[in-house]
Amino acid sequence: MPKLGKAGSLQSRRAIVHSLVHTESWAIDLSWDIIARFGKQESMPRDFFTDFVKVAQDEGRHFTLLAARLEELGSSYGALPAHDGLWDSAIATSKDLLARLAIEHCVHEARGLDVLPTTISRFRNGGDEKTADLLEKVVYPEEITHCAAGVKWFKYIYLRSKNPALDSDFEVSDESEAEVIQKFHETVRAFFRGPLKPPFNEAARKTAGFGPQWYEPLAVKAFSTE
């Protein structure tokens, strides 16, 4: 994959927006996939479907707005090479809802929260206020809610395994939270290659419902004692 640059040139801005459009394209598919693949199979409550339909709608709107902006910049989706990391993760987690929620929503989407503020600043510094505003006022705040959905339903699935009668309007005790976090660490280490990459956007992640205890231990490689 070619380097995207820092939005200082038109070529770089096109490359970054193209990458964002591609990510939104995968995100649309994955939002519907989690519903179709796991919703009925895992006997998920109605709120699960509601949350991820909204995520899909948001991602579709992001795709449309960013693709239009890319055309305004003189390019179009498909004009440049694109990564398939999200789809690789989707295949790896295709049989495990906990893993899908952890990797797609609490790792990949959370990484988006970490880098978007810098991306926005780079567009502003490059004189592209329109793209910066689109990312800051539309994409960024809605992506926080998508991470929140991942955190919420990860907690639910794990806690329901302990209490099958768990209602979707559940509360989490400190003791249960610690167990959920331990399970999150185990899941990420099993399905995600390598450590998480700091620096982390602690404020956005906190708004999404998970603090440093969720992700900071995963920024260090786990060494086996065997």
Protein backbone atom coordinates (compact mmCIF):
# COMPACT_ATOMS: atom_id res chain seq x y z
CA MET A 1 0.00 0.00 0.00
CA PRO A 2 1.35 3.47 -0.88
CA LYS A 3 1.81 5.98 1.94
CA LEU A 4 -1.10 8.36 2.42
CA GLY A 5 0.96 11.38 3.39
CA LYS A 6 -0.09 14.19 5.73
CA ALA A 7 -2.74 15.98 3.64
CA GLY A 8 -0.31 18.70 2.61
CA SER A 9 -0.86 18.07 -1.09
CA LEU A 10 -3.93 17.38 -3.21
CA GLN A 11 -2.55 13.93 -3.99
CA SER A 12 -2.25 13.14 -0.29
CA ARG A 13 -5.74 14.47 0.51
CA ARG A 14 -7.21 12.32 -2.25
CA ALA A 15 -5.38 9.26 -0.92
CA ILE A 16 -6.56 9.81 2.66
CA VAL A 17 -10.18 10.40 1.69
CA HIS A 18 -10.07 7.37 -0.62
CA SER A 19 -8.84 5.26 2.28
CA LEU A 20 -11.65 6.59 4.49
CA VAL A 21 -14.28 5.86 1.83
CA HIS A 22 -12.97 2.32 1.54
CA THR A 23 -13.13 1.82 5.29
CA GLU A 24 -16.74 3.02 5.32
CA SER A 25 -17.56 0.61 2.49
CA TRP A 26 -16.38 -2.32 4.59
CA ALA A 27 -18.11 -0.90 7.65
CA ILE A 28 -21.49 -0.90 5.88
CA ASP A 29 -21.12 -4.58 4.96
CA LEU A 30 -19.91 -5.54 8.42
CA SER A 31 -22.79 -3.77 10.15
CA TRP A 32 -25.33 -5.82 8.20
CA ASP A 33 -23.19 -8.93 8.48
CA ILE A 34 -23.18 -8.88 12.28
CA ILE A 35 -26.98 -8.67 12.22
CA ALA A 36 -27.50 -11.42 9.63
CA ARG A 37 -24.75 -13.72 10.87
CA PHE A 38 -25.24 -13.50 14.61
CA GLY A 39 -28.56 -11.82 15.47
CA LYS A 40 -30.91 -14.78 15.23
CA GLN A 41 -28.22 -17.41 15.77
CA GLU A 42 -27.27 -15.89 19.14
CA SER A 43 -30.88 -15.04 20.10
CA MET A 44 -29.97 -11.40 20.48
CA PRO A 45 -32.55 -8.94 21.85
CA ARG A 46 -34.29 -6.35 19.69
CA ASP A 47 -31.98 -3.57 20.91
CA PHE A 48 -29.03 -5.35 19.29
CA PHE A 49 -30.72 -5.16 15.89
CA THR A 50 -31.72 -1.53 16.48
CA ASP A 51 -28.18 -0.53 17.41
CA PHE A 52 -26.51 -2.12 14.41
CA VAL A 53 -29.12 -0.96 11.92
CA LYS A 54 -28.29 2.54 13.12
CA VAL A 55 -24.58 1.83 12.74
CA ALA A 56 -25.20 0.63 9.17
CA GLN A 57 -27.20 3.76 8.39
CA ASP A 58 -24.43 5.97 9.79
CA GLU A 59 -21.74 4.15 7.82
CA GLY A 60 -23.80 4.45 4.64
CA ARG A 61 -24.13 8.18 5.16
CA HIS A 62 -20.40 8.50 5.85
CA PHE A 63 -19.63 6.58 2.66
CA THR A 64 -21.92 8.76 0.56
CA LEU A 65 -20.58 12.04 1.96
CA LEU A 66 -16.92 11.03 1.75
CA ALA A 67 -17.28 9.56 -1.75
CA ALA A 68 -18.87 12.83 -2.89
CA ARG A 69 -16.06 14.78 -1.28
CA LEU A 70 -13.50 12.56 -3.03
CA GLU A 71 -15.09 13.41 -6.38
CA GLU A 72 -14.92 17.11 -5.49
CA LEU A 73 -11.20 16.57 -4.98
CA GLY A 74 -10.94 15.20 -8.50
CA SER A 75 -10.86 11.47 -7.82
CA SER A 76 -13.31 8.62 -7.23
CA TYR A 77 -13.64 5.48 -5.15
CA GLY A 78 -11.75 2.64 -6.78
CA ALA A 79 -9.14 4.91 -8.36
CA LEU A 80 -6.47 3.91 -5.81
CA PRO A 81 -5.33 0.67 -4.15
CA ALA A 82 -7.08 -0.17 -0.88
CA HIS A 83 -6.44 -2.40 2.12
CA ASP A 84 -8.57 -5.38 3.17
CA GLY A 85 -7.61 -5.56 6.85
CA LEU A 86 -11.19 -5.18 8.10
CA TRP A 87 -12.38 -8.04 5.92
CA ASP A 88 -9.51 -10.27 7.04
CA SER A 89 -10.63 -9.67 10.63
CA ALA A 90 -14.25 -10.35 9.68
CA ILE A 91 -13.29 -13.73 8.25
CA ALA A 92 -11.25 -14.57 11.35
CA THR A 93 -14.21 -13.71 13.63
CA SER A 94 -16.98 -15.15 11.44
CA LYS A 95 -17.94 -17.82 13.98
CA ASP A 96 -17.55 -15.87 17.23
CA LEU A 97 -19.72 -12.87 18.09
CA LEU A 98 -17.58 -11.88 21.09
CA ALA A 99 -14.54 -11.82 18.84
CA ARG A 100 -16.35 -9.85 16.12
CA LEU A 101 -17.44 -7.19 18.62
CA ALA A 102 -14.00 -7.00 20.21
CA ILE A 103 -11.92 -6.83 17.04
CA GLU A 104 -14.08 -4.85 14.62
CA HIS A 105 -15.66 -2.40 17.04
CA CYS A 106 -13.34 -2.19 20.05
CA VAL A 107 -10.02 -2.50 18.23
CA HIS A 108 -10.36 -1.35 14.61
CA GLU A 109 -13.06 1.30 15.13
CA ALA A 110 -11.42 2.47 18.33
CA ARG A 111 -8.18 2.89 16.39
CA GLY A 112 -10.13 5.20 14.11
CA LEU A 113 -11.00 7.33 17.14
CA ASP A 114 -7.29 7.50 18.01
CA VAL A 115 -6.18 8.79 14.61
CA LEU A 116 -9.11 10.92 13.43
CA PRO A 117 -8.23 14.06 15.46
CA THR A 118 -4.77 14.10 13.87
CA THR A 119 -6.27 13.50 10.44
CA ILE A 120 -8.69 16.39 10.95
CA SER A 121 -5.84 18.69 12.01
CA ARG A 122 -3.85 17.73 8.93
CA PHE A 123 -6.70 18.63 6.60
CA ARG A 124 -7.10 21.99 8.36
CA ASN A 125 -3.39 22.66 8.16
CA GLY A 126 -3.53 21.79 4.46
CA GLY A 127 -6.31 24.31 3.90
CA ASP A 128 -9.08 21.76 3.35
CA GLU A 129 -11.68 22.98 5.83
CA LYS A 130 -14.56 21.19 4.08
CA THR A 131 -13.10 17.72 4.58
CA ALA A 132 -12.00 18.59 8.11
CA ASP A 133 -15.52 19.74 9.02
CA LEU A 134 -17.07 16.60 7.54
CA LEU A 135 -14.80 14.40 9.60
CA GLU A 136 -15.09 16.45 12.78
CA LYS A 137 -18.84 17.19 12.79
CA VAL A 138 -20.27 14.03 11.23
CA VAL A 139 -17.92 11.06 11.10
CA TYR A 140 -15.98 11.40 14.37
CA PRO A 141 -18.91 11.77 16.84
CA GLU A 142 -20.87 8.97 15.19
CA GLU A 143 -17.90 6.61 15.20
CA ILE A 144 -17.77 7.02 18.98
CA THR A 145 -21.32 5.63 19.18
CA HIS A 146 -20.29 2.66 17.03
CA CYS A 147 -17.51 1.78 19.44
CA ALA A 148 -20.02 2.18 22.26
CA ALA A 149 -22.27 -0.39 20.61
CA GLY A 150 -19.38 -2.82 20.42
CA VAL A 151 -18.50 -2.33 24.08
CA LYS A 152 -22.13 -2.60 25.20
CA TRP A 153 -22.84 -5.85 23.37
CA PHE A 154 -19.50 -7.40 24.27
CA LYS A 155 -20.40 -6.88 27.91
CA TYR A 156 -23.89 -8.27 27.32
CA ILE A 157 -22.75 -11.46 25.57
CA TYR A 158 -20.18 -12.23 28.24
CA LEU A 159 -22.51 -11.51 31.18
CA ARG A 160 -25.36 -13.45 29.56
CA SER A 161 -23.09 -16.50 29.47
CA LYS A 162 -23.10 -16.25 33.28
CA ASN A 163 -26.78 -15.28 33.57
CA PRO A 164 -28.96 -16.49 30.65
CA ALA A 165 -31.89 -14.37 31.89
CA LEU A 166 -29.91 -11.12 31.54
CA ASP A 167 -31.99 -8.23 30.22
CA SER A 168 -30.62 -5.94 27.52
CA ASP A 169 -31.06 -3.01 29.93
CA PHE A 170 -28.37 -4.39 32.24
CA GLU A 171 -26.00 -2.85 34.74
CA VAL A 172 -22.43 -3.99 35.36
CA SER A 173 -20.91 -4.26 38.83
CA ASP A 174 -17.22 -3.50 39.41
CA GLU A 175 -16.55 -7.22 39.91
CA SER A 176 -18.32 -8.15 36.70
CA GLU A 177 -16.56 -5.33 34.82
CA ALA A 178 -13.20 -6.80 35.81
CA GLU A 179 -14.28 -10.20 34.47
CA VAL A 180 -15.49 -8.63 31.23
CA ILE A 181 -12.18 -6.82 30.76
CA GLN A 182 -10.22 -10.02 31.36
CA LYS A 183 -12.34 -11.76 28.71
CA PHE A 184 -11.77 -8.85 26.35
CA HIS A 185 -8.00 -9.17 26.76
CA GLU A 186 -8.17 -12.91 26.11
CA THR A 187 -10.31 -12.39 23.02
CA VAL A 188 -8.14 -9.69 21.49
CA ARG A 189 -4.96 -11.67 22.08
CA ALA A 190 -6.54 -14.70 20.42
CA PHE A 191 -7.91 -12.90 17.35
CA PHE A 192 -5.69 -9.84 16.81
CA ARG A 193 -2.08 -10.06 15.73
CA GLY A 194 0.37 -8.03 17.81
CA PRO A 195 -0.10 -5.30 20.43
CA LEU A 196 -2.43 -2.31 20.13
CA LYS A 197 -0.75 0.86 18.94
CA PRO A 198 -0.70 3.96 21.18
CA PRO A 199 -1.25 6.83 21.66
CA PHE A 200 -4.88 6.29 22.58
CA ASN A 201 -7.69 8.82 22.45
CA GLU A 202 -8.68 8.36 26.08
CA ALA A 203 -11.50 10.94 26.02
CA ALA A 204 -13.27 9.41 23.01
CA ARG A 205 -12.77 5.88 24.28
CA LYS A 206 -14.16 6.86 27.69
CA THR A 207 -17.23 8.33 25.99
CA ALA A 208 -17.63 5.01 24.16
CA GLY A 209 -17.65 3.20 27.50
CA PHE A 210 -14.22 1.75 27.98
CA GLY A 211 -11.34 3.13 30.00
CA PRO A 212 -7.57 2.54 29.87
CA GLN A 213 -7.82 -0.75 31.77
CA TRP A 214 -9.46 -2.21 28.66
CA TYR A 215 -6.76 -1.40 26.16
CA GLU A 216 -3.49 -0.25 27.78
CA PRO A 217 -2.47 -3.79 28.84
CA LEU A 218 -2.91 -4.83 25.20
CA ALA A 219 -0.34 -2.27 24.06
CA VAL A 220 2.34 -4.61 25.45
CA LYS A 221 3.09 -7.96 23.87
CA ALA A 222 1.96 -10.91 25.96
CA PHE A 223 4.81 -13.28 26.77
CA SER A 224 4.18 -16.92 27.56
CA THR A 225 5.56 -18.25 30.86
CA GLU A 226 5.49 -21.85 29.67
